[in-house]
PDB file of N, CA and C in Angstrom:
ATOM      1  N   MET A   1       0.798  -1.177   0.000  1.00  0.00           N
ATOM      2  CA  MET A   1       0.000   0.000   0.000  1.00  0.00           C
ATOM      3  C   MET A   1       0.852   1.257   0.000  1.00  0.00           C
ATOM      4  N   VAL A   2       1.997   1.162   0.636  1.00  0.00           N
ATOM      5  CA  VAL A   2       2.863   2.339   0.742  1.00  0.00           C
ATOM      6  C   VAL A   2       3.311   2.814  -0.640  1.00  0.00           C
ATOM      7  N   PHE A   3       3.567   1.876  -1.569  1.00  0.00           N
ATOM      8  CA  PHE A   3       4.024   2.298  -2.892  1.00  0.00           C
ATOM      9  C   PHE A   3       2.948   3.095  -3.627  1.00  0.00           C
ATOM     10  N   LEU A   4       1.686   2.731  -3.478  1.00  0.00           N
ATOM     11  CA  LEU A   4       0.604   3.492  -4.113  1.00  0.00           C
ATOM     12  C   LEU A   4       0.421   4.856  -3.453  1.00  0.00           C
ATOM     13  N   TRP A   5       0.509   4.873  -2.145  1.00  0.00           N
ATOM     14  CA  TRP A   5       0.378   6.118  -1.386  1.00  0.00           C
ATOM     15  C   TRP A   5       1.502   7.082  -1.766  1.00  0.00           C
ATOM     16  N   THR A   6       2.724   6.575  -1.860  1.00  0.00           N
ATOM     17  CA  THR A   6       3.858   7.401  -2.242  1.00  0.00           C
ATOM     18  C   THR A   6       3.709   7.908  -3.676  1.00  0.00           C
ATOM     19  N   ALA A   7       3.302   7.037  -4.590  1.00  0.00           N
ATOM     20  CA  ALA A   7       3.105   7.445  -5.987  1.00  0.00           C
ATOM     21  C   ALA A   7       2.001   8.486  -6.128  1.00  0.00           C
ATOM     22  N   SER A   8       1.092   8.526  -5.171  1.00  0.00           N
ATOM     23  CA  SER A   8      -0.006   9.498  -5.194  1.00  0.00           C
ATOM     24  C   SER A   8       0.349  10.789  -4.468  1.00  0.00           C
ATOM     25  N   GLY A   9       1.591  10.906  -4.021  1.00  0.00           N
ATOM     26  CA  GLY A   9       2.040  12.133  -3.379  1.00  0.00           C
ATOM     27  C   GLY A   9       1.921  12.164  -1.872  1.00  0.00           C
ATOM     28  N   ARG A  10       1.734  11.006  -1.261  1.00  0.00           N
ATOM     29  CA  ARG A  10       1.604  10.881   0.200  1.00  0.00           C
ATOM     30  C   ARG A  10       0.514  11.787   0.788  1.00  0.00           C
ATOM     31  N   PRO A  11      -0.699  11.709   0.268  1.00  0.00           N
ATOM     32  CA  PRO A  11      -1.769  12.554   0.806  1.00  0.00           C
ATOM     33  C   PRO A  11      -2.109  12.185   2.244  1.00  0.00           C
ATOM     34  N   GLU A  12      -2.449  13.174   3.015  1.00  0.00           N
ATOM     35  CA  GLU A  12      -2.834  12.955   4.412  1.00  0.00           C
ATOM     36  C   GLU A  12      -4.260  12.398   4.475  1.00  0.00           C
ATOM     37  N   PRO A  13      -4.465  11.289   5.161  1.00  0.00           N
ATOM     38  CA  PRO A  13      -5.834  10.800   5.339  1.00  0.00           C
ATOM     39  C   PRO A  13      -6.574  11.703   6.321  1.00  0.00           C
ATOM     40  N   SER A  14      -7.881  11.785   6.184  1.00  0.00           N
ATOM     41  CA  SER A  14      -8.644  12.631   7.097  1.00  0.00           C
ATOM     42  C   SER A  14      -8.772  12.002   8.476  1.00  0.00           C
ATOM     43  N   GLU A  15      -8.654  10.673   8.536  1.00  0.00           N
ATOM     44  CA  GLU A  15      -8.655   9.989   9.829  1.00  0.00           C
ATOM     45  C   GLU A  15      -7.863   8.695   9.703  1.00  0.00           C
ATOM     46  N   ILE A  16      -7.445   8.171  10.844  1.00  0.00           N
ATOM     47  CA  ILE A  16      -6.685   6.922  10.868  1.00  0.00           C
ATOM     48  C   ILE A  16      -7.663   5.751  10.874  1.00  0.00           C
ATOM     49  N   ALA A  17      -7.430   4.800   9.978  1.00  0.00           N
ATOM     50  CA  ALA A  17      -8.290   3.609   9.900  1.00  0.00           C
ATOM     51  C   ALA A  17      -8.197   2.843  11.212  1.00  0.00           C
ATOM     52  N   GLY A  18      -9.302   2.357  11.675  1.00  0.00           N
ATOM     53  CA  GLY A  18      -9.346   1.689  12.971  1.00  0.00           C
ATOM     54  C   GLY A  18      -9.201   0.184  12.905  1.00  0.00           C
ATOM     55  N   PHE A  19      -8.200  -0.302  12.210  1.00  0.00           N
ATOM     56  CA  PHE A  19      -7.969  -1.738  12.148  1.00  0.00           C
ATOM     57  C   PHE A  19      -7.289  -2.197  13.433  1.00  0.00           C
ATOM     58  N   ALA A  20      -7.831  -3.223  14.058  1.00  0.00           N
ATOM     59  CA  ALA A  20      -7.321  -3.707  15.340  1.00  0.00           C
ATOM     60  C   ALA A  20      -5.899  -4.255  15.239  1.00  0.00           C
ATOM     61  N   ASP A  21      -5.515  -4.784  14.070  1.00  0.00           N
ATOM     62  CA  ASP A  21      -4.187  -5.370  13.931  1.00  0.00           C
ATOM     63  C   ASP A  21      -3.153  -4.404  13.336  1.00  0.00           C
ATOM     64  N   MET A  22      -3.495  -3.143  13.256  1.00  0.00           N
ATOM     65  CA  MET A  22      -2.560  -2.141  12.756  1.00  0.00           C
ATOM     66  C   MET A  22      -2.023  -1.336  13.936  1.00  0.00           C
ATOM     67  N   PRO A  23      -0.745  -1.526  14.286  1.00  0.00           N
ATOM     68  CA  PRO A  23      -0.186  -0.836  15.446  1.00  0.00           C
ATOM     69  C   PRO A  23      -0.182   0.677  15.253  1.00  0.00           C
ATOM     70  N   ASP A  24      -0.400   1.400  16.337  1.00  0.00           N
ATOM     71  CA  ASP A  24      -0.327   2.856  16.292  1.00  0.00           C
ATOM     72  C   ASP A  24       1.062   3.286  15.866  1.00  0.00           C
ATOM     73  N   ASN A  25       1.116   4.331  15.086  1.00  0.00           N
ATOM     74  CA  ASN A  25       2.371   4.929  14.614  1.00  0.00           C
ATOM     75  C   ASN A  25       3.228   4.000  13.773  1.00  0.00           C
ATOM     76  N   SER A  26       2.629   3.009  13.133  1.00  0.00           N
ATOM     77  CA  SER A  26       3.410   2.151  12.239  1.00  0.00           C
ATOM     78  C   SER A  26       3.752   2.954  10.980  1.00  0.00           C
ATOM     79  N   VAL A  27       4.768   2.510  10.269  1.00  0.00           N
ATOM     80  CA  VAL A  27       5.215   3.232   9.089  1.00  0.00           C
ATOM     81  C   VAL A  27       4.174   3.230   7.970  1.00  0.00           C
ATOM     82  N   PHE A  28       3.263   2.282   7.989  1.00  0.00           N
ATOM     83  CA  PHE A  28       2.265   2.185   6.931  1.00  0.00           C
ATOM     84  C   PHE A  28       0.876   2.630   7.363  1.00  0.00           C
ATOM     85  N   GLN A  29       0.725   3.165   8.556  1.00  0.00           N
ATOM     86  CA  GLN A  29      -0.589   3.548   9.078  1.00  0.00           C
ATOM     87  C   GLN A  29      -1.286   4.599   8.208  1.00  0.00           C
ATOM     88  N   LYS A  30      -0.572   5.636   7.796  1.00  0.00           N
ATOM     89  CA  LYS A  30      -1.174   6.671   6.950  1.00  0.00           C
ATOM     90  C   LYS A  30      -1.516   6.123   5.576  1.00  0.00           C
ATOM     91  N   ALA A  31      -0.649   5.276   5.032  1.00  0.00           N
ATOM     92  CA  ALA A  31      -0.894   4.712   3.708  1.00  0.00           C
ATOM     93  C   ALA A  31      -2.147   3.845   3.701  1.00  0.00           C
ATOM     94  N   ILE A  32      -2.297   3.003   4.699  1.00  0.00           N
ATOM     95  CA  ILE A  32      -3.467   2.134   4.782  1.00  0.00           C
ATOM     96  C   ILE A  32      -4.724   2.952   5.035  1.00  0.00           C
ATOM     97  N   SER A  33      -4.626   3.951   5.887  1.00  0.00           N
ATOM     98  CA  SER A  33      -5.782   4.811   6.164  1.00  0.00           C
ATOM     99  C   SER A  33      -6.211   5.547   4.904  1.00  0.00           C
ATOM    100  N   TRP A  34      -5.255   6.063   4.140  1.00  0.00           N
ATOM    101  CA  TRP A  34      -5.553   6.730   2.879  1.00  0.00           C
ATOM    102  C   TRP A  34      -6.226   5.762   1.901  1.00  0.00           C
ATOM    103  N   ALA A  35      -5.684   4.550   1.790  1.00  0.00           N
ATOM    104  CA  ALA A  35      -6.240   3.559   0.865  1.00  0.00           C
ATOM    105  C   ALA A  35      -7.669   3.179   1.249  1.00  0.00           C
ATOM    106  N   LYS A  36      -7.937   3.091   2.527  1.00  0.00           N
ATOM    107  CA  LYS A  36      -9.298   2.773   2.967  1.00  0.00           C
ATOM    108  C   LYS A  36     -10.242   3.920   2.607  1.00  0.00           C
ATOM    109  N   GLU A  37      -9.819   5.152   2.847  1.00  0.00           N
ATOM    110  CA  GLU A  37     -10.643   6.318   2.499  1.00  0.00           C
ATOM    111  C   GLU A  37     -10.948   6.385   1.016  1.00  0.00           C
ATOM    112  N   GLU A  38      -9.967   6.034   0.198  1.00  0.00           N
ATOM    113  CA  GLU A  38     -10.111   6.116  -1.252  1.00  0.00           C
ATOM    114  C   GLU A  38     -10.862   4.921  -1.848  1.00  0.00           C
ATOM    115  N   GLY A  39     -11.201   3.934  -1.018  1.00  0.00           N
ATOM    116  CA  GLY A  39     -11.910   2.759  -1.511  1.00  0.00           C
ATOM    117  C   GLY A  39     -11.003   1.758  -2.207  1.00  0.00           C
ATOM    118  N   ILE A  40      -9.694   1.886  -1.999  1.00  0.00           N
ATOM    119  CA  ILE A  40      -8.738   0.977  -2.618  1.00  0.00           C
ATOM    120  C   ILE A  40      -8.717  -0.352  -1.888  1.00  0.00           C
ATOM    121  N   THR A  41      -8.932  -0.325  -0.596  1.00  0.00           N
ATOM    122  CA  THR A  41      -8.971  -1.536   0.212  1.00  0.00           C
ATOM    123  C   THR A  41      -9.990  -1.367   1.319  1.00  0.00           C
ATOM    124  N   SER A  42     -10.478  -2.476   1.804  1.00  0.00           N
ATOM    125  CA  SER A  42     -11.388  -2.440   2.958  1.00  0.00           C
ATOM    126  C   SER A  42     -10.863  -3.332   4.075  1.00  0.00           C
ATOM    127  N   GLY A  43      -9.659  -3.891   3.870  1.00  0.00           N
ATOM    128  CA  GLY A  43      -9.078  -4.777   4.866  1.00  0.00           C
ATOM    129  C   GLY A  43      -9.488  -6.214   4.631  1.00  0.00           C
ATOM    130  N   THR A  44      -9.045  -7.085   5.531  1.00  0.00           N
ATOM    131  CA  THR A  44      -9.392  -8.501   5.423  1.00  0.00           C
ATOM    132  C   THR A  44     -10.703  -8.811   6.119  1.00  0.00           C
ATOM    133  N   SER A  45     -11.161  -7.867   6.950  1.00  0.00           N
ATOM    134  CA  SER A  45     -12.469  -7.930   7.600  1.00  0.00           C
ATOM    135  C   SER A  45     -12.810  -6.499   7.996  1.00  0.00           C
ATOM    136  N   PRO A  46     -13.984  -6.244   8.517  1.00  0.00           N
ATOM    137  CA  PRO A  46     -14.304  -4.871   8.938  1.00  0.00           C
ATOM    138  C   PRO A  46     -13.386  -4.320  10.036  1.00  0.00           C
ATOM    139  N   THR A  47     -12.723  -5.206  10.792  1.00  0.00           N
ATOM    140  CA  THR A  47     -11.882  -4.736  11.905  1.00  0.00           C
ATOM    141  C   THR A  47     -10.404  -5.074  11.757  1.00  0.00           C
ATOM    142  N   THR A  48     -10.012  -5.805  10.709  1.00  0.00           N
ATOM    143  CA  THR A  48      -8.605  -6.179  10.539  1.00  0.00           C
ATOM    144  C   THR A  48      -8.114  -5.859   9.130  1.00  0.00           C
ATOM    145  N   PHE A  49      -6.802  -5.674   9.031  1.00  0.00           N
ATOM    146  CA  PHE A  49      -6.180  -5.402   7.733  1.00  0.00           C
ATOM    147  C   PHE A  49      -5.247  -6.528   7.292  1.00  0.00           C
ATOM    148  N   GLY A  50      -4.556  -7.149   8.223  1.00  0.00           N
ATOM    149  CA  GLY A  50      -3.604  -8.220   7.886  1.00  0.00           C
ATOM    150  C   GLY A  50      -2.271  -7.673   7.404  1.00  0.00           C
ATOM    151  N   PRO A  51      -1.667  -6.718   8.126  1.00  0.00           N
ATOM    152  CA  PRO A  51      -0.430  -6.106   7.641  1.00  0.00           C
ATOM    153  C   PRO A  51       0.762  -7.053   7.552  1.00  0.00           C
ATOM    154  N   ASP A  52       0.731  -8.168   8.235  1.00  0.00           N
ATOM    155  CA  ASP A  52       1.848  -9.106   8.202  1.00  0.00           C
ATOM    156  C   ASP A  52       1.646 -10.230   7.198  1.00  0.00           C
ATOM    157  N   LYS A  53       0.522 -10.221   6.505  1.00  0.00           N
ATOM    158  CA  LYS A  53       0.262 -11.254   5.508  1.00  0.00           C
ATOM    159  C   LYS A  53       0.891 -10.857   4.174  1.00  0.00           C
ATOM    160  N   PRO A  54       1.352 -11.847   3.401  1.00  0.00           N
ATOM    161  CA  PRO A  54       1.902 -11.510   2.082  1.00  0.00           C
ATOM    162  C   PRO A  54       0.799 -10.983   1.161  1.00  0.00           C
ATOM    163  N   CYS A  55       1.185 -10.097   0.277  1.00  0.00           N
ATOM    164  CA  CYS A  55       0.253  -9.522  -0.692  1.00  0.00           C
ATOM    165  C   CYS A  55       0.367 -10.336  -1.986  1.00  0.00           C
ATOM    166  N   THR A  56      -0.753 -10.837  -2.475  1.00  0.00           N
ATOM    167  CA  THR A  56      -0.736 -11.652  -3.686  1.00  0.00           C
ATOM    168  C   THR A  56      -0.721 -10.765  -4.935  1.00  0.00           C
ATOM    169  N   ARG A  57      -0.389 -11.353  -6.057  1.00  0.00           N
ATOM    170  CA  ARG A  57      -0.434 -10.618  -7.327  1.00  0.00           C
ATOM    171  C   ARG A  57      -1.848 -10.143  -7.617  1.00  0.00           C
ATOM    172  N   ALA A  58      -2.815 -10.970  -7.314  1.00  0.00           N
ATOM    173  CA  ALA A  58      -4.210 -10.598  -7.564  1.00  0.00           C
ATOM    174  C   ALA A  58      -4.607  -9.384  -6.720  1.00  0.00           C
ATOM    175  N   GLN A  59      -4.165  -9.350  -5.474  1.00  0.00           N
ATOM    176  CA  GLN A  59      -4.468  -8.201  -4.628  1.00  0.00           C
ATOM    177  C   GLN A  59      -3.799  -6.939  -5.161  1.00  0.00           C
ATOM    178  N   ILE A  60      -2.548  -7.060  -5.590  1.00  0.00           N
ATOM    179  CA  ILE A  60      -1.846  -5.905  -6.141  1.00  0.00           C
ATOM    180  C   ILE A  60      -2.561  -5.389  -7.381  1.00  0.00           C
ATOM    181  N   MET A  61      -2.999  -6.269  -8.242  1.00  0.00           N
ATOM    182  CA  MET A  61      -3.727  -5.845  -9.447  1.00  0.00           C
ATOM    183  C   MET A  61      -5.049  -5.162  -9.082  1.00  0.00           C
ATOM    184  N   THR A  62      -5.715  -5.665  -8.066  1.00  0.00           N
ATOM    185  CA  THR A  62      -6.953  -5.043  -7.606  1.00  0.00           C
ATOM    186  C   THR A  62      -6.690  -3.649  -7.065  1.00  0.00           C
ATOM    187  N   PHE A  63      -5.628  -3.502  -6.272  1.00  0.00           N
ATOM    188  CA  PHE A  63      -5.269  -2.186  -5.741  1.00  0.00           C
ATOM    189  C   PHE A  63      -4.980  -1.215  -6.882  1.00  0.00           C
ATOM    190  N   LEU A  64      -4.179  -1.659  -7.852  1.00  0.00           N
ATOM    191  CA  LEU A  64      -3.847  -0.802  -8.982  1.00  0.00           C
ATOM    192  C   LEU A  64      -5.086  -0.418  -9.780  1.00  0.00           C
ATOM    193  N   TYR A  65      -5.971  -1.354  -9.985  1.00  0.00           N
ATOM    194  CA  TYR A  65      -7.206  -1.078 -10.701  1.00  0.00           C
ATOM    195  C   TYR A  65      -7.998   0.029  -9.998  1.00  0.00           C
ATOM    196  N   HIS A  66      -8.124  -0.057  -8.689  1.00  0.00           N
ATOM    197  CA  HIS A  66      -8.887   0.936  -7.942  1.00  0.00           C
ATOM    198  C   HIS A  66      -8.224   2.308  -7.956  1.00  0.00           C
ATOM    199  N   VAL A  67      -6.915   2.359  -8.039  1.00  0.00           N
ATOM    200  CA  VAL A  67      -6.213   3.644  -8.062  1.00  0.00           C
ATOM    201  C   VAL A  67      -6.293   4.276  -9.440  1.00  0.00           C
ATOM    202  N   TYR A  68      -6.101   3.490 -10.481  1.00  0.00           N
ATOM    203  CA  TYR A  68      -5.952   4.046 -11.827  1.00  0.00           C
ATOM    204  C   TYR A  68      -7.135   3.788 -12.762  1.00  0.00           C
ATOM    205  N   GLN A  69      -8.300   3.519 -12.239  1.00  0.00           N
ATOM    206  CA  GLN A  69      -9.450   3.279 -13.114  1.00  0.00           C
ATOM    207  C   GLN A  69      -9.999   4.546 -13.690  1.00  0.00           C
TER     208      GLN A  69
END
């Protein structure tokens, strides 16, 4: 998610996404919050994101589709 956020100019999210498995002040917290606001991702459930899980090619293509459609 960080690569898309960086390519988009690192916009500030209006609020921090409330995923239970996303530690406060993590390096990717703003990127994930921005992606959730933009509708690029909704997490692995309404309350989790899965930041330690590997990202599949299919997920990356979905993220790119949502950013550049």
